[in-house]
Structures are given as C-alpha cells and as structure tokens.
Protein backbone atom coordinates (compact mmCIF):
# COMPACT_ATOMS: atom_id res chain seq x y z
CA MET A 1 86.60 -33.54 104.03
CA SER A 2 88.09 -32.15 100.83
CA GLU A 3 91.47 -33.54 99.75
CA SER A 4 94.40 -31.16 100.19
CA ILE A 5 95.94 -30.29 96.81
CA ALA A 6 98.82 -27.85 96.42
CA CYS A 7 98.76 -25.12 93.78
CA PRO A 8 100.93 -26.14 90.79
CA ILE A 9 102.24 -22.56 90.63
CA CYS A 10 102.82 -21.23 94.16
CA ALA A 11 102.40 -24.46 96.21
CA ALA A 12 99.74 -22.93 98.50
CA GLU A 13 96.76 -25.06 99.45
CA THR A 14 93.93 -24.91 96.93
CA VAL A 15 90.19 -25.17 97.48
CA PHE A 16 87.46 -26.94 95.52
CA PHE A 17 85.09 -24.32 94.12
CA GLY A 18 82.77 -26.10 91.72
CA ALA A 19 82.24 -28.54 88.91
CA LYS A 20 81.11 -28.43 85.31
CA GLN A 21 79.70 -31.15 83.11
CA GLY A 22 81.62 -31.68 79.91
CA THR A 23 79.82 -31.18 76.63
CA TYR A 24 82.22 -33.20 74.47
CA PHE A 25 83.01 -35.85 77.12
CA ASN A 26 80.22 -37.16 79.34
CA LYS A 27 82.14 -36.43 82.51
CA GLU A 28 81.98 -34.04 85.45
CA PHE A 29 85.11 -31.90 85.74
CA LYS A 30 86.13 -30.60 89.17
CA PHE A 31 87.72 -27.18 89.57
CA ARG A 32 90.14 -25.94 92.22
CA HIS A 33 91.33 -22.42 93.02
CA CYS A 34 94.37 -21.01 94.75
CA PRO A 35 93.47 -18.10 97.07
CA GLN A 36 97.12 -17.00 97.14
CA CYS A 37 98.01 -16.57 93.44
CA ARG A 38 94.45 -16.91 92.08
CA TYR A 39 95.29 -19.75 89.72
CA SER A 40 92.30 -21.96 88.85
CA PHE A 41 92.55 -25.38 87.30
CA VAL A 42 90.74 -28.59 86.43
CA GLU A 43 91.54 -31.19 89.08
CA ASN A 44 90.59 -34.26 87.03
CA TYR A 45 91.82 -33.08 83.65
CA SER A 46 91.46 -35.64 80.86
CA THR A 47 94.71 -37.14 79.61
CA GLU A 48 93.17 -38.76 76.54
CA TYR A 49 95.21 -36.45 74.33
CA ALA A 50 94.96 -38.52 71.17
CA ARG A 51 91.19 -38.51 71.49
CA ILE A 52 90.94 -34.80 72.38
CA TYR A 53 93.36 -33.43 69.79
CA ASP A 54 92.44 -35.61 66.85
CA GLU A 55 91.58 -34.63 63.29
CA ASN A 56 88.06 -33.62 64.33
CA TYR A 57 89.48 -31.09 66.80
CA TYR A 58 91.65 -29.37 64.20
CA ARG A 59 88.81 -29.34 61.68
CA GLY A 60 86.43 -27.61 64.10
CA ARG A 61 84.39 -30.69 64.97
CA GLY A 62 85.86 -31.36 68.42
CA ALA A 63 85.55 -29.86 71.87
CA ASP A 64 85.99 -26.32 70.50
CA LYS A 65 83.98 -25.58 67.38
CA THR A 66 84.87 -21.89 67.14
CA PHE A 67 87.82 -22.48 64.81
CA ASN A 68 89.02 -24.78 62.02
CA TYR A 69 92.81 -24.85 61.71
CA VAL A 70 92.79 -26.73 58.43
CA TYR A 71 90.34 -24.32 56.79
CA GLU A 72 92.35 -21.35 58.08
CA PHE A 73 95.61 -22.68 56.69
CA GLU A 74 94.13 -23.55 53.30
CA ASN A 75 92.25 -20.25 52.96
CA PRO A 76 94.62 -17.57 54.33
CA LEU A 77 93.05 -14.73 52.34
CA GLN A 78 89.48 -15.60 53.35
CA THR A 79 89.82 -16.58 57.01
CA VAL A 80 89.36 -14.03 59.78
CA ARG A 81 92.40 -15.66 61.41
CA GLN A 82 94.51 -13.43 59.15
CA TYR A 83 93.73 -10.55 61.55
CA ASP A 84 95.19 -12.58 64.44
CA TRP A 85 98.33 -13.44 62.47
CA ARG A 86 98.77 -9.83 61.40
CA GLY A 87 98.23 -8.52 64.92
CA ILE A 88 100.66 -10.96 66.55
CA LEU A 89 103.35 -10.05 64.05
CA LYS A 90 102.81 -6.34 64.78
CA VAL A 91 102.94 -6.89 68.55
CA VAL A 92 106.16 -8.91 68.46
CA ASN A 93 107.82 -6.46 66.09
CA ALA A 94 106.79 -3.55 68.34
CA LEU A 95 108.24 -5.26 71.41
CA LYS A 96 111.39 -6.71 69.82
CA PRO A 97 112.10 -5.37 66.31
CA LEU A 98 112.60 -8.16 63.81
CA SER A 99 115.55 -8.62 61.47
CA THR A 100 117.12 -11.32 59.31
CA GLU A 101 118.96 -12.49 62.45
CA THR A 102 115.78 -12.99 64.51
CA ARG A 103 114.81 -16.58 65.28
CA TRP A 104 111.11 -16.93 66.17
CA LEU A 105 109.43 -20.08 67.49
CA ASP A 106 105.67 -20.45 67.58
CA PHE A 107 105.18 -22.89 70.46
CA GLY A 108 102.00 -24.91 69.95
CA CYS A 109 101.68 -23.72 66.36
CA GLY A 110 98.68 -25.80 65.26
CA SER A 111 98.66 -26.05 61.48
CA GLY A 112 101.44 -23.47 61.22
CA GLY A 113 99.42 -20.57 59.82
CA LEU A 114 101.22 -18.00 61.98
CA VAL A 115 104.61 -19.46 61.08
CA ARG A 116 103.84 -19.14 57.38
CA HIS A 117 102.50 -15.59 57.82
CA VAL A 118 105.63 -14.50 59.72
CA ARG A 119 107.93 -16.05 57.10
CA GLU A 120 106.04 -14.31 54.30
CA HIS A 121 105.67 -10.87 55.93
CA SER A 122 108.85 -10.37 57.94
CA PRO A 123 112.59 -10.87 57.49
CA CYS A 124 113.02 -13.22 60.44
CA ARG A 125 113.46 -16.99 60.51
CA ALA A 126 110.34 -18.61 61.94
CA SER A 127 109.52 -22.20 62.80
CA GLY A 128 106.89 -23.98 64.87
CA PHE A 129 106.62 -26.65 67.53
CA GLU A 130 103.59 -28.89 67.76
CA GLU A 131 102.58 -32.44 68.62
CA GLY A 132 99.74 -34.74 67.60
CA TRP A 133 97.67 -35.22 64.46
CA ILE A 134 98.17 -31.73 63.09
CA THR A 135 101.97 -32.02 62.82
CA ASP A 136 101.89 -34.38 59.84
CA TYR A 137 99.38 -32.12 58.12
CA ALA A 138 101.53 -29.02 58.71
CA ARG A 139 104.68 -30.70 57.43
CA THR A 140 102.94 -31.74 54.22
CA GLN A 141 102.16 -28.03 53.70
CA GLY A 142 105.85 -27.12 53.92
CA VAL A 143 105.79 -25.57 57.40
CA PRO A 144 109.03 -26.11 59.37
CA ILE A 145 107.77 -27.97 62.44
CA LEU A 146 110.07 -29.07 65.25
CA ALA A 147 109.54 -32.30 67.17
CA ARG A 148 109.95 -32.53 70.94
CA ALA A 149 113.19 -34.46 70.43
CA ASP A 150 114.59 -31.44 68.55
CA LEU A 151 114.10 -28.96 71.40
CA PRO A 152 117.00 -29.73 73.81
CA ALA A 153 119.60 -28.99 71.13
CA LEU A 154 117.95 -25.61 70.49
CA HIS A 155 118.08 -24.27 74.04
CA GLY A 156 119.20 -20.65 74.13
CA THR A 157 118.81 -20.09 70.39
CA PHE A 158 115.51 -18.21 69.95
CA ASP A 159 114.97 -14.45 70.14
CA ALA A 160 111.17 -14.61 70.36
CA ILE A 161 108.60 -17.25 71.26
CA THR A 162 104.86 -16.97 70.80
CA ALA A 163 102.40 -19.27 72.56
CA ILE A 164 98.98 -18.31 71.25
CA GLU A 165 96.11 -19.81 73.26
CA VAL A 166 98.38 -22.63 74.42
CA ILE A 167 99.06 -22.34 78.16
CA GLU A 168 95.40 -22.91 79.13
CA HIS A 169 95.65 -26.40 77.61
CA VAL A 170 98.50 -27.34 79.95
CA PRO A 171 97.49 -28.85 83.32
CA ASN A 172 100.87 -28.04 84.90
CA PRO A 173 102.01 -24.76 83.35
CA LEU A 174 105.33 -24.13 85.13
CA PRO A 175 107.35 -26.87 83.37
CA CYS A 176 105.96 -25.67 80.03
CA LEU A 177 106.96 -22.07 80.76
CA LYS A 178 110.40 -23.21 81.93
CA GLU A 179 110.84 -25.13 78.69
CA MET A 180 110.07 -22.00 76.69
CA ARG A 181 112.49 -20.01 78.86
CA ALA A 182 115.22 -22.57 78.15
CA LEU A 183 114.69 -22.15 74.42
CA LEU A 184 115.11 -18.37 74.56
CA LYS A 185 118.31 -16.36 74.59
CA PRO A 186 118.76 -14.04 77.58
CA GLY A 187 116.66 -10.98 76.81
CA GLY A 188 114.40 -13.00 74.55
CA LEU A 189 110.67 -12.29 74.37
CA LEU A 190 107.76 -14.55 75.29
CA PHE A 191 104.44 -13.27 73.99
CA LEU A 192 101.51 -15.46 74.91
CA THR A 193 97.77 -15.06 74.84
CA THR A 194 95.23 -16.77 77.07
CA GLY A 195 91.90 -15.90 78.61
CA ASN A 196 91.85 -13.47 81.54
CA ALA A 197 89.96 -14.94 84.49
CA ARG A 198 89.95 -11.66 86.45
CA PRO A 199 86.65 -10.28 85.02
CA PHE A 200 84.96 -13.60 85.84
CA ARG A 201 85.85 -14.02 89.51
CA THR A 202 82.21 -14.04 90.57
CA LYS A 203 80.79 -15.78 87.48
CA PHE A 204 83.51 -18.23 86.49
CA PHE A 205 81.23 -20.99 85.26
CA LYS A 206 79.34 -18.57 83.01
CA TRP A 207 82.55 -17.75 81.17
CA ALA A 208 82.49 -19.30 77.68
CA TYR A 209 86.24 -19.93 77.94
CA VAL A 210 85.63 -22.62 80.57
CA VAL A 211 85.77 -25.70 78.35
CA PRO A 212 87.20 -28.31 80.73
CA GLU A 213 87.86 -30.97 78.10
CA ILE A 214 90.62 -28.78 76.64
CA HIS A 215 91.21 -25.80 78.97
CA ALA A 216 92.86 -27.00 82.17
CA SER A 217 94.44 -23.74 83.43
CA TYR A 218 92.97 -20.28 84.05
CA PHE A 219 95.00 -17.17 84.85
CA GLU A 220 94.52 -13.68 86.13
CA PRO A 221 97.25 -11.22 85.06
CA GLU A 222 98.99 -11.34 88.45
CA THR A 223 98.81 -15.15 88.39
CA LEU A 224 100.52 -15.26 85.03
CA ALA A 225 103.15 -12.76 86.22
CA LYS A 226 103.88 -15.03 89.19
CA ALA A 227 104.22 -18.07 86.94
CA LEU A 228 106.49 -16.21 84.52
CA THR A 229 108.73 -15.08 87.38
CA LEU A 230 109.04 -18.62 88.74
CA ALA A 231 109.89 -19.87 85.25
CA GLY A 232 112.80 -17.44 84.80
CA PHE A 233 111.13 -14.48 83.12
CA LYS A 234 110.77 -10.85 84.04
CA PRO A 235 107.07 -10.08 83.52
CA GLU A 236 106.11 -6.72 82.09
CA PHE A 237 102.65 -5.21 81.72
CA ARG A 238 102.67 -3.37 78.41
CA GLY A 239 98.93 -3.18 77.79
CA ALA A 240 97.54 -2.54 74.32
CA VAL A 241 100.71 -2.69 72.23
CA SER A 242 100.27 -1.86 68.53
CA GLY A 243 98.80 -4.95 66.91
CA PHE A 244 96.29 -5.79 69.61
CA GLU A 245 93.62 -4.02 67.57
CA ASP A 246 93.84 -6.85 65.01
CA ILE A 247 94.02 -9.57 67.67
CA LEU A 248 90.85 -8.21 69.29
CA ARG A 249 89.15 -8.00 65.92
CA PHE A 250 89.83 -11.66 65.32
CA LYS A 251 88.63 -12.69 68.78
CA ILE A 252 85.37 -10.80 68.36
CA LEU A 253 84.65 -12.39 64.98
CA LYS A 254 85.67 -15.86 66.20
CA ASN A 255 83.32 -15.68 69.18
CA LEU A 256 80.51 -14.49 66.93
CA GLY A 257 81.01 -17.60 64.81
CA ILE A 258 82.26 -15.63 61.79
CA ARG A 259 85.04 -17.49 59.99
CA LYS A 260 85.30 -15.65 56.67
CA THR A 261 86.15 -12.05 55.95
CA SER A 262 83.46 -10.00 54.24
CA LEU A 263 82.51 -6.47 53.32
CA ALA A 264 79.92 -6.53 56.11
CA GLU A 265 82.45 -7.24 58.85
CA LYS A 266 84.86 -4.69 57.41
CA LEU A 267 82.17 -2.02 57.77
CA LEU A 268 81.62 -2.70 61.48
CA PRO A 269 82.60 0.12 63.93
CA TRP A 270 85.85 -1.58 64.93
CA PRO A 271 87.32 1.07 67.26
CA LEU A 272 84.17 0.98 69.39
CA LEU A 273 83.85 -2.82 69.29
CA ARG A 274 87.50 -3.35 70.23
CA TYR A 275 87.25 -0.90 73.11
CA ALA A 276 84.10 -2.57 74.46
CA ALA A 277 85.54 -6.08 74.13
CA ASP A 278 88.79 -5.22 75.88
CA LYS A 279 86.97 -3.33 78.62
CA ARG A 280 84.89 -6.44 79.32
CA TYR A 281 87.44 -9.23 78.78
CA LYS A 282 90.72 -7.39 79.60
CA VAL A 283 92.58 -9.18 76.82
CA THR A 284 95.47 -6.69 76.89
CA ALA A 285 95.96 -6.91 80.68
CA HIS A 286 98.17 -10.01 80.66
CA PRO A 287 101.95 -9.56 80.95
CA ILE A 288 104.64 -10.43 78.46
CA GLY A 289 107.84 -12.18 79.60
CA TRP A 290 111.48 -11.28 79.11
CA ALA A 291 114.00 -14.10 79.57
CA VAL A 292 116.45 -13.31 82.39
C-alpha cells in the first residue's frame, strides 16, 4: 500500500504516479501528484546540494547542460541569454515602472548576469541573492550578492523580486515564496518563471523539463496561483506582457542548444516561432504575484 504523503502546497493527499531514472545521478526518482491543486513533485529529491550545484553545474557540465552561467556572464554581447535579460527587464518595467527609487532583488541570481544587465540598462538599484559555488564567482565580478544572513534585515524593503527558473529547484516551495513575500513592500511585484506542467498532463515523463536531479517541483498556472495566495500574494494572470517576446526567443534558442547570437538566428521568423512555442508550452500562462 502506497505511503500517504500530504501535498506541500494544499495539504491534500497525494498519489504516486511514476518514476524516472536520473541521468546525472544513478538513482530512480519517484514522483507524486496532488489531484486537488495539481502540484507534482519529486518524493525522494536529492539533498546533495554541494554536489548538484558545483562548479560543473554552473559551467554547463552538470545535470543541466543547456546553459553555462559563467560563459554567459563573461560574454554578455555574444550569449543568447541577453534576450532573456532584456525581456525580463521589459516585463518588470511594464508591470511596475522603474525609477531611481526602485529596489529590485533577483532571487536565485546565478552568476548575476541579470543583476548587471538591470543596473546597466535601468535607473533602479538591483542586487542578487544566491548560495553555493557561484556566489564567490559573482562577487569577484563585482555583482552585489546578498547572503542568507543578510535577508531578515531587508524584509519589506524591495519593490520588485524576480525568481527566474528558481522555484522548480525548491522541494518545498511555500516557505521560499513566503520568504520572497517578506522581502517585498506591500504592493511589490514578484515575477517568476518556471515550466508549465499543464500541456504535459498526459505525457509528463516525456517533458524535457523533468530533470529530477535538479527540478523538484512542477506547477500548472492554477497551482502556482494557489501557492502565491497561500504565501501572501495576490496572483494575477497578465499573459504575454511586453518583453515576453525576448524571453521566448531565448528559451527557443536555449532548447535548440544555441548559445551564441548570430546572423542566422537573427534571420529566423521570430513572430511565428514565438507564437508556436507559446501555444505549445504556455510560457505566458503563469501568474505574477502582488504582495498584499
């Protein structure tokens, strides 16, 4: 008889719905699903964080080889990640116009490429929060990186927080979302990106996003809205806000294994490609969160 495990989001009883063999770790990962809020998660998530998020991971030699944070930071004018940075900045500015008074935190900032881009291309004050191997690298590059010990004193001080492809790495997402809510001022914006599990309800294990060594949590839009509400946010479905065209462009190139910009990729029919990608993957369907 299957063990009874409560959903980390809504506390309903979850069900075992399959397993997947790791490709980076020689281990079988078990998956559970909540029929109530449709949250899916890895039951036996690996806690070997130092081994998972080591230098190899951030250099594109770890469990996810579709990116290289160090290369991206050191080659900002050549990397296709520049489209992501540009798009995120546009989205946040469209949702909450930026000024010299705006304080922006990139939560889970990696090497700090987005932080640097925001500081160079907007008037606001941006900093990052990260842990692990990459933090020392980012600090040597001059990126303002906060440590976990710094966060309590900064509660209620940020106008905007971004969490770009972060929440899927967290095995218990509610405390993480509550921590971000605590850091925001009332009325502050949380803009996060993560994979949308809704299009893959009937083919979950064929979804390339299911990398159990690093991705512990999987959300449908309504699931994420539920989690945001429980964490103290008002979720809002805004759809394809200006800037998503660049975010989608980056995601398409990343998943094609293209890391450098080129004339060839610039000549691709981007309006058609972006439309097709969003129709299939529903990237723009996830909600944003307003701190209440």
